[in-house]
Amino acid sequence: MVKSCGYGVALSEANYKFNIPEEAYGQVIEGIDLQILSSDSVRLIEAYVKQEGELSEIQVKVLYLCELDLKAVIPKVSPALKGYFMRLHLGVIDVIKKLGSH
């Protein structure tokens, strides 16, 4: 399914499919729970797609916090998790950029 968020930008839910690796369950890095970080990030990306490019003010604030947390944990996660969290970070950055273009 493709949705438009205006300005000719098309979003596809298929572009934002994330399945957290089991290895991340229960892991905490720098006080950041990886499972919660993943869940929050994915939930906000999905909300952005389903709400046709719209997020509430609080959702945007949480998205920015997720981006900061992702930047903090990526250098410290195991190689097995690095690819997942880098891809998740790119998804969050993509949404932030698209929000900025409105």
PDB file of N, CA and C in Angstrom:
ATOM      1  N   MET A   1       0.850  -1.173   0.000  1.00  0.00           N
ATOM      2  CA  MET A   1       0.000   0.000   0.000  1.00  0.00           C
ATOM      3  C   MET A   1       0.895   1.236   0.000  1.00  0.00           C
ATOM      4  N   VAL A   2       0.603   2.183  -0.836  1.00  0.00           N
ATOM      5  CA  VAL A   2       1.374   3.418  -0.933  1.00  0.00           C
ATOM      6  C   VAL A   2       0.501   4.573  -0.489  1.00  0.00           C
ATOM      7  N   LYS A   3       1.070   5.443   0.306  1.00  0.00           N
ATOM      8  CA  LYS A   3       0.334   6.617   0.766  1.00  0.00           C
ATOM      9  C   LYS A   3       1.138   7.854   0.419  1.00  0.00           C
ATOM     10  N   SER A   4       0.438   8.919   0.161  1.00  0.00           N
ATOM     11  CA  SER A   4       1.096  10.180  -0.150  1.00  0.00           C
ATOM     12  C   SER A   4       1.068  11.075   1.073  1.00  0.00           C
ATOM     13  N   CYS A   5       2.190  11.727   1.339  1.00  0.00           N
ATOM     14  CA  CYS A   5       2.223  12.668   2.464  1.00  0.00           C
ATOM     15  C   CYS A   5       2.347  14.091   1.937  1.00  0.00           C
ATOM     16  N   GLY A   6       1.970  14.299   0.703  1.00  0.00           N
ATOM     17  CA  GLY A   6       2.047  15.636   0.133  1.00  0.00           C
ATOM     18  C   GLY A   6       3.386  15.886  -0.529  1.00  0.00           C
ATOM     19  N   TYR A   7       3.476  16.950  -1.251  1.00  0.00           N
ATOM     20  CA  TYR A   7       4.707  17.333  -1.943  1.00  0.00           C
ATOM     21  C   TYR A   7       5.241  16.218  -2.831  1.00  0.00           C
ATOM     22  N   GLY A   8       4.360  15.335  -3.287  1.00  0.00           N
ATOM     23  CA  GLY A   8       4.768  14.279  -4.202  1.00  0.00           C
ATOM     24  C   GLY A   8       5.573  13.170  -3.566  1.00  0.00           C
ATOM     25  N   VAL A   9       5.604  13.098  -2.254  1.00  0.00           N
ATOM     26  CA  VAL A   9       6.370  12.059  -1.572  1.00  0.00           C
ATOM     27  C   VAL A   9       5.461  10.867  -1.329  1.00  0.00           C
ATOM     28  N   ALA A  10       5.854   9.708  -1.814  1.00  0.00           N
ATOM     29  CA  ALA A  10       5.072   8.499  -1.608  1.00  0.00           C
ATOM     30  C   ALA A  10       5.737   7.644  -0.544  1.00  0.00           C
ATOM     31  N   LEU A  11       4.931   7.124   0.353  1.00  0.00           N
ATOM     32  CA  LEU A  11       5.424   6.259   1.412  1.00  0.00           C
ATOM     33  C   LEU A  11       4.839   4.876   1.233  1.00  0.00           C
ATOM     34  N   SER A  12       5.635   3.872   1.455  1.00  0.00           N
ATOM     35  CA  SER A  12       5.167   2.502   1.389  1.00  0.00           C
ATOM     36  C   SER A  12       5.454   1.834   2.721  1.00  0.00           C
ATOM     37  N   GLU A  13       4.451   1.155   3.276  1.00  0.00           N
ATOM     38  CA  GLU A  13       4.666   0.462   4.531  1.00  0.00           C
ATOM     39  C   GLU A  13       5.751  -0.590   4.380  1.00  0.00           C
ATOM     40  N   ALA A  14       5.910  -1.147   3.182  1.00  0.00           N
ATOM     41  CA  ALA A  14       6.932  -2.158   2.956  1.00  0.00           C
ATOM     42  C   ALA A  14       8.340  -1.603   3.163  1.00  0.00           C
ATOM     43  N   ASN A  15       8.507  -0.303   2.977  1.00  0.00           N
ATOM     44  CA  ASN A  15       9.823   0.314   3.177  1.00  0.00           C
ATOM     45  C   ASN A  15      10.202   0.401   4.643  1.00  0.00           C
ATOM     46  N   TYR A  16       9.238   0.233   5.519  1.00  0.00           N
ATOM     47  CA  TYR A  16       9.463   0.422   6.947  1.00  0.00           C
ATOM     48  C   TYR A  16       9.093  -0.827   7.745  1.00  0.00           C
ATOM     49  N   LYS A  17       9.555  -1.976   7.329  1.00  0.00           N
ATOM     50  CA  LYS A  17       9.299  -3.219   8.058  1.00  0.00           C
ATOM     51  C   LYS A  17      10.517  -3.535   8.923  1.00  0.00           C
ATOM     52  N   PHE A  18      10.281  -3.631  10.218  1.00  0.00           N
ATOM     53  CA  PHE A  18      11.365  -3.890  11.160  1.00  0.00           C
ATOM     54  C   PHE A  18      10.954  -5.006  12.103  1.00  0.00           C
ATOM     55  N   ASN A  19      11.763  -6.041  12.192  1.00  0.00           N
ATOM     56  CA  ASN A  19      11.546  -7.132  13.135  1.00  0.00           C
ATOM     57  C   ASN A  19      12.750  -7.166  14.070  1.00  0.00           C
ATOM     58  N   ILE A  20      12.534  -6.814  15.323  1.00  0.00           N
ATOM     59  CA  ILE A  20      13.634  -6.728  16.266  1.00  0.00           C
ATOM     60  C   ILE A  20      14.257  -8.110  16.479  1.00  0.00           C
ATOM     61  N   PRO A  21      15.564  -8.190  16.380  1.00  0.00           N
ATOM     62  CA  PRO A  21      16.239  -9.468  16.638  1.00  0.00           C
ATOM     63  C   PRO A  21      16.076  -9.879  18.106  1.00  0.00           C
ATOM     64  N   GLU A  22      15.894 -11.169  18.337  1.00  0.00           N
ATOM     65  CA  GLU A  22      15.716 -11.669  19.695  1.00  0.00           C
ATOM     66  C   GLU A  22      16.881 -11.306  20.602  1.00  0.00           C
ATOM     67  N   GLU A  23      18.056 -11.205  20.041  1.00  0.00           N
ATOM     68  CA  GLU A  23      19.249 -10.869  20.831  1.00  0.00           C
ATOM     69  C   GLU A  23      19.103  -9.530  21.550  1.00  0.00           C
ATOM     70  N   ALA A  24      18.266  -8.653  21.034  1.00  0.00           N
ATOM     71  CA  ALA A  24      18.095  -7.323  21.636  1.00  0.00           C
ATOM     72  C   ALA A  24      17.198  -7.347  22.869  1.00  0.00           C
ATOM     73  N   TYR A  25      16.400  -8.412  23.015  1.00  0.00           N
ATOM     74  CA  TYR A  25      15.481  -8.489  24.156  1.00  0.00           C
ATOM     75  C   TYR A  25      16.264  -8.456  25.468  1.00  0.00           C
ATOM     76  N   GLY A  26      15.872  -7.570  26.349  1.00  0.00           N
ATOM     77  CA  GLY A  26      16.486  -7.484  27.671  1.00  0.00           C
ATOM     78  C   GLY A  26      17.817  -6.757  27.720  1.00  0.00           C
ATOM     79  N   GLN A  27      18.334  -6.329  26.586  1.00  0.00           N
ATOM     80  CA  GLN A  27      19.617  -5.624  26.580  1.00  0.00           C
ATOM     81  C   GLN A  27      19.418  -4.141  26.882  1.00  0.00           C
ATOM     82  N   VAL A  28      20.305  -3.629  27.722  1.00  0.00           N
ATOM     83  CA  VAL A  28      20.297  -2.210  28.069  1.00  0.00           C
ATOM     84  C   VAL A  28      21.700  -1.683  27.822  1.00  0.00           C
ATOM     85  N   ILE A  29      21.788  -0.600  27.050  1.00  0.00           N
ATOM     86  CA  ILE A  29      23.072   0.045  26.751  1.00  0.00           C
ATOM     87  C   ILE A  29      22.949   1.513  27.104  1.00  0.00           C
ATOM     88  N   GLU A  30      23.874   1.995  27.921  1.00  0.00           N
ATOM     89  CA  GLU A  30      23.851   3.403  28.339  1.00  0.00           C
ATOM     90  C   GLU A  30      22.502   3.779  28.958  1.00  0.00           C
ATOM     91  N   GLY A  31      21.890   2.815  29.663  1.00  0.00           N
ATOM     92  CA  GLY A  31      20.591   3.059  30.280  1.00  0.00           C
ATOM     93  C   GLY A  31      19.421   3.024  29.311  1.00  0.00           C
ATOM     94  N   ILE A  32      19.663   2.613  28.083  1.00  0.00           N
ATOM     95  CA  ILE A  32      18.625   2.581  27.044  1.00  0.00           C
ATOM     96  C   ILE A  32      18.254   1.128  26.777  1.00  0.00           C
ATOM     97  N   ASP A  33      16.999   0.796  27.011  1.00  0.00           N
ATOM     98  CA  ASP A  33      16.494  -0.551  26.750  1.00  0.00           C
ATOM     99  C   ASP A  33      16.290  -0.698  25.245  1.00  0.00           C
ATOM    100  N   LEU A  34      17.024  -1.625  24.625  1.00  0.00           N
ATOM    101  CA  LEU A  34      16.987  -1.756  23.165  1.00  0.00           C
ATOM    102  C   LEU A  34      15.612  -2.175  22.649  1.00  0.00           C
ATOM    103  N   GLN A  35      14.915  -3.000  23.396  1.00  0.00           N
ATOM    104  CA  GLN A  35      13.600  -3.443  22.960  1.00  0.00           C
ATOM    105  C   GLN A  35      12.599  -2.282  22.982  1.00  0.00           C
ATOM    106  N   ILE A  36      12.658  -1.473  24.016  1.00  0.00           N
ATOM    107  CA  ILE A  36      11.759  -0.312  24.098  1.00  0.00           C
ATOM    108  C   ILE A  36      12.111   0.711  23.024  1.00  0.00           C
ATOM    109  N   LEU A  37      13.404   0.951  22.818  1.00  0.00           N
ATOM    110  CA  LEU A  37      13.841   1.888  21.782  1.00  0.00           C
ATOM    111  C   LEU A  37      13.344   1.442  20.414  1.00  0.00           C
ATOM    112  N   SER A  38      13.501   0.156  20.129  1.00  0.00           N
ATOM    113  CA  SER A  38      13.036  -0.372  18.850  1.00  0.00           C
ATOM    114  C   SER A  38      11.520  -0.225  18.729  1.00  0.00           C
ATOM    115  N   SER A  39      10.811  -0.615  19.767  1.00  0.00           N
ATOM    116  CA  SER A  39       9.347  -0.548  19.753  1.00  0.00           C
ATOM    117  C   SER A  39       8.847   0.878  19.537  1.00  0.00           C
ATOM    118  N   ASP A  40       9.408   1.828  20.277  1.00  0.00           N
ATOM    119  CA  ASP A  40       9.000   3.227  20.128  1.00  0.00           C
ATOM    120  C   ASP A  40       9.290   3.746  18.720  1.00  0.00           C
ATOM    121  N   SER A  41      10.487   3.444  18.222  1.00  0.00           N
ATOM    122  CA  SER A  41      10.882   3.925  16.898  1.00  0.00           C
ATOM    123  C   SER A  41       9.970   3.365  15.817  1.00  0.00           C
ATOM    124  N   VAL A  42       9.743   2.055  15.865  1.00  0.00           N
ATOM    125  CA  VAL A  42       8.893   1.406  14.865  1.00  0.00           C
ATOM    126  C   VAL A  42       7.463   1.931  14.953  1.00  0.00           C
ATOM    127  N   ARG A  43       6.948   2.071  16.166  1.00  0.00           N
ATOM    128  CA  ARG A  43       5.580   2.566  16.359  1.00  0.00           C
ATOM    129  C   ARG A  43       5.409   3.949  15.739  1.00  0.00           C
ATOM    130  N   LEU A  44       6.400   4.812  15.901  1.00  0.00           N
ATOM    131  CA  LEU A  44       6.301   6.169  15.357  1.00  0.00           C
ATOM    132  C   LEU A  44       6.439   6.189  13.839  1.00  0.00           C
ATOM    133  N   ILE A  45       7.304   5.356  13.307  1.00  0.00           N
ATOM    134  CA  ILE A  45       7.433   5.259  11.851  1.00  0.00           C
ATOM    135  C   ILE A  45       6.116   4.759  11.261  1.00  0.00           C
ATOM    136  N   GLU A  46       5.551   3.713  11.866  1.00  0.00           N
ATOM    137  CA  GLU A  46       4.282   3.178  11.380  1.00  0.00           C
ATOM    138  C   GLU A  46       3.153   4.205  11.504  1.00  0.00           C
ATOM    139  N   ALA A  47       3.147   4.951  12.596  1.00  0.00           N
ATOM    140  CA  ALA A  47       2.121   5.992  12.773  1.00  0.00           C
ATOM    141  C   ALA A  47       2.235   7.041  11.677  1.00  0.00           C
ATOM    142  N   TYR A  48       3.456   7.423  11.353  1.00  0.00           N
ATOM    143  CA  TYR A  48       3.681   8.414  10.303  1.00  0.00           C
ATOM    144  C   TYR A  48       3.116   7.921   8.969  1.00  0.00           C
ATOM    145  N   VAL A  49       3.380   6.664   8.647  1.00  0.00           N
ATOM    146  CA  VAL A  49       2.900   6.103   7.385  1.00  0.00           C
ATOM    147  C   VAL A  49       1.374   6.000   7.401  1.00  0.00           C
ATOM    148  N   LYS A  50       0.813   5.470   8.474  1.00  0.00           N
ATOM    149  CA  LYS A  50      -0.636   5.256   8.545  1.00  0.00           C
ATOM    150  C   LYS A  50      -1.415   6.555   8.641  1.00  0.00           C
ATOM    151  N   GLN A  51      -0.809   7.580   9.202  1.00  0.00           N
ATOM    152  CA  GLN A  51      -1.489   8.871   9.351  1.00  0.00           C
ATOM    153  C   GLN A  51      -1.154   9.808   8.197  1.00  0.00           C
ATOM    154  N   GLU A  52      -0.692   9.235   7.107  1.00  0.00           N
ATOM    155  CA  GLU A  52      -0.412   9.963   5.875  1.00  0.00           C
ATOM    156  C   GLU A  52       0.505  11.162   6.092  1.00  0.00           C
ATOM    157  N   GLY A  53       1.597  10.919   6.797  1.00  0.00           N
ATOM    158  CA  GLY A  53       2.612  11.948   6.945  1.00  0.00           C
ATOM    159  C   GLY A  53       2.383  12.906   8.088  1.00  0.00           C
ATOM    160  N   GLU A  54       1.574  12.519   9.046  1.00  0.00           N
ATOM    161  CA  GLU A  54       1.296  13.407  10.179  1.00  0.00           C
ATOM    162  C   GLU A  54       1.667  12.723  11.489  1.00  0.00           C
ATOM    163  N   LEU A  55       2.243  13.478  12.393  1.00  0.00           N
ATOM    164  CA  LEU A  55       2.501  13.036  13.761  1.00  0.00           C
ATOM    165  C   LEU A  55       2.100  14.173  14.690  1.00  0.00           C
ATOM    166  N   SER A  56       1.659  13.821  15.886  1.00  0.00           N
ATOM    167  CA  SER A  56       1.329  14.847  16.873  1.00  0.00           C
ATOM    168  C   SER A  56       2.621  15.474  17.389  1.00  0.00           C
ATOM    169  N   GLU A  57       2.476  16.573  18.090  1.00  0.00           N
ATOM    170  CA  GLU A  57       3.643  17.269  18.629  1.00  0.00           C
ATOM    171  C   GLU A  57       4.440  16.360  19.573  1.00  0.00           C
ATOM    172  N   ILE A  58       3.756  15.617  20.438  1.00  0.00           N
ATOM    173  CA  ILE A  58       4.453  14.729  21.370  1.00  0.00           C
ATOM    174  C   ILE A  58       5.113  13.576  20.621  1.00  0.00           C
ATOM    175  N   GLN A  59       4.474  13.065  19.567  1.00  0.00           N
ATOM    176  CA  GLN A  59       5.082  12.003  18.769  1.00  0.00           C
ATOM    177  C   GLN A  59       6.374  12.476  18.117  1.00  0.00           C
ATOM    178  N   VAL A  60       6.374  13.709  17.641  1.00  0.00           N
ATOM    179  CA  VAL A  60       7.586  14.260  17.019  1.00  0.00           C
ATOM    180  C   VAL A  60       8.700  14.377  18.057  1.00  0.00           C
ATOM    181  N   LYS A  61       8.371  14.826  19.251  1.00  0.00           N
ATOM    182  CA  LYS A  61       9.380  14.936  20.311  1.00  0.00           C
ATOM    183  C   LYS A  61       9.973  13.581  20.653  1.00  0.00           C
ATOM    184  N   VAL A  62       9.113  12.567  20.768  1.00  0.00           N
ATOM    185  CA  VAL A  62       9.596  11.219  21.077  1.00  0.00           C
ATOM    186  C   VAL A  62      10.442  10.686  19.926  1.00  0.00           C
ATOM    187  N   LEU A  63      10.053  10.980  18.691  1.00  0.00           N
ATOM    188  CA  LEU A  63      10.830  10.544  17.528  1.00  0.00           C
ATOM    189  C   LEU A  63      12.244  11.122  17.580  1.00  0.00           C
ATOM    190  N   TYR A  64      12.365  12.405  17.923  1.00  0.00           N
ATOM    191  CA  TYR A  64      13.690  13.020  18.039  1.00  0.00           C
ATOM    192  C   TYR A  64      14.502  12.379  19.165  1.00  0.00           C
ATOM    193  N   LEU A  65      13.848  12.019  20.262  1.00  0.00           N
ATOM    194  CA  LEU A  65      14.552  11.335  21.355  1.00  0.00           C
ATOM    195  C   LEU A  65      15.015   9.943  20.918  1.00  0.00           C
ATOM    196  N   CYS A  66      14.193   9.258  20.144  1.00  0.00           N
ATOM    197  CA  CYS A  66      14.591   7.957  19.609  1.00  0.00           C
ATOM    198  C   CYS A  66      15.829   8.105  18.729  1.00  0.00           C
ATOM    199  N   GLU A  67      15.838   9.136  17.922  1.00  0.00           N
ATOM    200  CA  GLU A  67      16.987   9.364  17.035  1.00  0.00           C
ATOM    201  C   GLU A  67      18.263   9.563  17.854  1.00  0.00           C
ATOM    202  N   LEU A  68      18.173  10.329  18.917  1.00  0.00           N
ATOM    203  CA  LEU A  68      19.338  10.546  19.786  1.00  0.00           C
ATOM    204  C   LEU A  68      19.785   9.246  20.451  1.00  0.00           C
ATOM    205  N   ASP A  69      18.823   8.476  20.943  1.00  0.00           N
ATOM    206  CA  ASP A  69      19.153   7.204  21.580  1.00  0.00           C
ATOM    207  C   ASP A  69      19.768   6.221  20.587  1.00  0.00           C
ATOM    208  N   LEU A  70      19.233   6.183  19.379  1.00  0.00           N
ATOM    209  CA  LEU A  70      19.792   5.300  18.360  1.00  0.00           C
ATOM    210  C   LEU A  70      21.247   5.669  18.055  1.00  0.00           C
ATOM    211  N   LYS A  71      21.524   6.958  17.950  1.00  0.00           N
ATOM    212  CA  LYS A  71      22.906   7.396  17.712  1.00  0.00           C
ATOM    213  C   LYS A  71      23.820   6.964  18.852  1.00  0.00           C
ATOM    214  N   ALA A  72      23.293   6.948  20.064  1.00  0.00           N
ATOM    215  CA  ALA A  72      24.100   6.573  21.229  1.00  0.00           C
ATOM    216  C   ALA A  72      24.374   5.067  21.290  1.00  0.00           C
ATOM    217  N   VAL A  73      23.403   4.248  20.896  1.00  0.00           N
ATOM    218  CA  VAL A  73      23.579   2.804  21.055  1.00  0.00           C
ATOM    219  C   VAL A  73      24.244   2.124  19.863  1.00  0.00           C
ATOM    220  N   ILE A  74      24.097   2.664  18.678  1.00  0.00           N
ATOM    221  CA  ILE A  74      24.633   1.992  17.484  1.00  0.00           C
ATOM    222  C   ILE A  74      26.125   1.659  17.611  1.00  0.00           C
ATOM    223  N   PRO A  75      26.960   2.577  18.077  1.00  0.00           N
ATOM    224  CA  PRO A  75      28.380   2.216  18.181  1.00  0.00           C
ATOM    225  C   PRO A  75      28.662   1.136  19.231  1.00  0.00           C
ATOM    226  N   LYS A  76      27.709   0.870  20.115  1.00  0.00           N
ATOM    227  CA  LYS A  76      27.952  -0.030  21.237  1.00  0.00           C
ATOM    228  C   LYS A  76      27.241  -1.370  21.138  1.00  0.00           C
ATOM    229  N   VAL A  77      26.347  -1.536  20.171  1.00  0.00           N
ATOM    230  CA  VAL A  77      25.644  -2.813  20.047  1.00  0.00           C
ATOM    231  C   VAL A  77      26.558  -3.846  19.391  1.00  0.00           C
ATOM    232  N   SER A  78      26.201  -5.103  19.569  1.00  0.00           N
ATOM    233  CA  SER A  78      26.982  -6.186  18.964  1.00  0.00           C
ATOM    234  C   SER A  78      26.877  -6.099  17.440  1.00  0.00           C
ATOM    235  N   PRO A  79      27.844  -6.677  16.752  1.00  0.00           N
ATOM    236  CA  PRO A  79      27.779  -6.679  15.287  1.00  0.00           C
ATOM    237  C   PRO A  79      26.485  -7.307  14.759  1.00  0.00           C
ATOM    238  N   ALA A  80      25.939  -8.284  15.479  1.00  0.00           N
ATOM    239  CA  ALA A  80      24.702  -8.938  15.048  1.00  0.00           C
ATOM    240  C   ALA A  80      23.510  -7.982  15.078  1.00  0.00           C
ATOM    241  N   LEU A  81      23.553  -6.982  15.944  1.00  0.00           N
ATOM    242  CA  LEU A  81      22.452  -6.023  16.071  1.00  0.00           C
ATOM    243  C   LEU A  81      22.700  -4.718  15.326  1.00  0.00           C
ATOM    244  N   LYS A  82      23.940  -4.453  14.996  1.00  0.00           N
ATOM    245  CA  LYS A  82      24.295  -3.163  14.398  1.00  0.00           C
ATOM    246  C   LYS A  82      23.507  -2.864  13.133  1.00  0.00           C
ATOM    247  N   GLY A  83      23.398  -3.822  12.240  1.00  0.00           N
ATOM    248  CA  GLY A  83      22.672  -3.608  10.985  1.00  0.00           C
ATOM    249  C   GLY A  83      21.214  -3.258  11.217  1.00  0.00           C
ATOM    250  N   TYR A  84      20.582  -3.966  12.140  1.00  0.00           N
ATOM    251  CA  TYR A  84      19.173  -3.688  12.452  1.00  0.00           C
ATOM    252  C   TYR A  84      19.011  -2.265  12.970  1.00  0.00           C
ATOM    253  N   PHE A  85      19.822  -1.882  13.947  1.00  0.00           N
ATOM    254  CA  PHE A  85      19.659  -0.559  14.542  1.00  0.00           C
ATOM    255  C   PHE A  85      20.102   0.563  13.592  1.00  0.00           C
ATOM    256  N   MET A  86      21.038   0.281  12.711  1.00  0.00           N
ATOM    257  CA  MET A  86      21.404   1.287  11.701  1.00  0.00           C
ATOM    258  C   MET A  86      20.243   1.495  10.734  1.00  0.00           C
ATOM    259  N   ARG A  87      19.587   0.404  10.326  1.00  0.00           N
ATOM    260  CA  ARG A  87      18.445   0.502   9.426  1.00  0.00           C
ATOM    261  C   ARG A  87      17.276   1.225  10.098  1.00  0.00           C
ATOM    262  N   LEU A  88      17.072   0.920  11.368  1.00  0.00           N
ATOM    263  CA  LEU A  88      16.025   1.596  12.130  1.00  0.00           C
ATOM    264  C   LEU A  88      16.320   3.093  12.229  1.00  0.00           C
ATOM    265  N   HIS A  89      17.584   3.428  12.466  1.00  0.00           N
ATOM    266  CA  HIS A  89      17.995   4.833  12.548  1.00  0.00           C
ATOM    267  C   HIS A  89      17.720   5.539  11.227  1.00  0.00           C
ATOM    268  N   LEU A  90      18.027   4.883  10.120  1.00  0.00           N
ATOM    269  CA  LEU A  90      17.754   5.481   8.803  1.00  0.00           C
ATOM    270  C   LEU A  90      16.266   5.720   8.601  1.00  0.00           C
ATOM    271  N   GLY A  91      15.424   4.800   9.079  1.00  0.00           N
ATOM    272  CA  GLY A  91      13.977   4.993   8.979  1.00  0.00           C
ATOM    273  C   GLY A  91      13.516   6.190   9.784  1.00  0.00           C
ATOM    274  N   VAL A  92      14.055   6.328  10.995  1.00  0.00           N
ATOM    275  CA  VAL A  92      13.703   7.472  11.849  1.00  0.00           C
ATOM    276  C   VAL A  92      14.158   8.774  11.197  1.00  0.00           C
ATOM    277  N   ILE A  93      15.381   8.797  10.690  1.00  0.00           N
ATOM    278  CA  ILE A  93      15.917   9.990  10.012  1.00  0.00           C
ATOM    279  C   ILE A  93      15.062  10.339   8.796  1.00  0.00           C
ATOM    280  N   ASP A  94      14.643   9.324   8.053  1.00  0.00           N
ATOM    281  CA  ASP A  94      13.811   9.558   6.872  1.00  0.00           C
ATOM    282  C   ASP A  94      12.510  10.262   7.256  1.00  0.00           C
ATOM    283  N   VAL A  95      11.869   9.793   8.316  1.00  0.00           N
ATOM    284  CA  VAL A  95      10.623  10.418   8.767  1.00  0.00           C
ATOM    285  C   VAL A  95      10.884  11.841   9.248  1.00  0.00           C
ATOM    286  N   ILE A  96      11.968  12.041   9.998  1.00  0.00           N
ATOM    287  CA  ILE A  96      12.300  13.394  10.482  1.00  0.00           C
ATOM    288  C   ILE A  96      12.503  14.337   9.299  1.00  0.00           C
ATOM    289  N   LYS A  97      13.213  13.884   8.285  1.00  0.00           N
ATOM    290  CA  LYS A  97      13.439  14.722   7.095  1.00  0.00           C
ATOM    291  C   LYS A  97      12.122  15.042   6.395  1.00  0.00           C
ATOM    292  N   LYS A  98      11.254  14.057   6.280  1.00  0.00           N
ATOM    293  CA  LYS A  98       9.974  14.279   5.602  1.00  0.00           C
ATOM    294  C   LYS A  98       9.089  15.212   6.419  1.00  0.00           C
ATOM    295  N   LEU A  99       9.154  15.124   7.729  1.00  0.00           N
ATOM    296  CA  LEU A  99       8.396  16.044   8.569  1.00  0.00           C
ATOM    297  C   LEU A  99       8.899  17.479   8.379  1.00  0.00           C
ATOM    298  N   GLY A 100      10.205  17.618   8.221  1.00  0.00           N
ATOM    299  CA  GLY A 100      10.790  18.931   8.024  1.00  0.00           C
ATOM    300  C   GLY A 100      10.454  19.564   6.696  1.00  0.00           C
ATOM    301  N   SER A 101      10.023  18.741   5.726  1.00  0.00           N
ATOM    302  CA  SER A 101       9.693  19.280   4.405  1.00  0.00           C
ATOM    303  C   SER A 101       8.259  19.764   4.298  1.00  0.00           C
ATOM    304  N   HIS A 102       7.486  19.579   5.358  1.00  0.00           N
ATOM    305  CA  HIS A 102       6.077  20.046   5.331  1.00  0.00           C
ATOM    306  C   HIS A 102       5.990  21.538   5.504  1.00  0.00           C
TER     307      HIS A 102
END
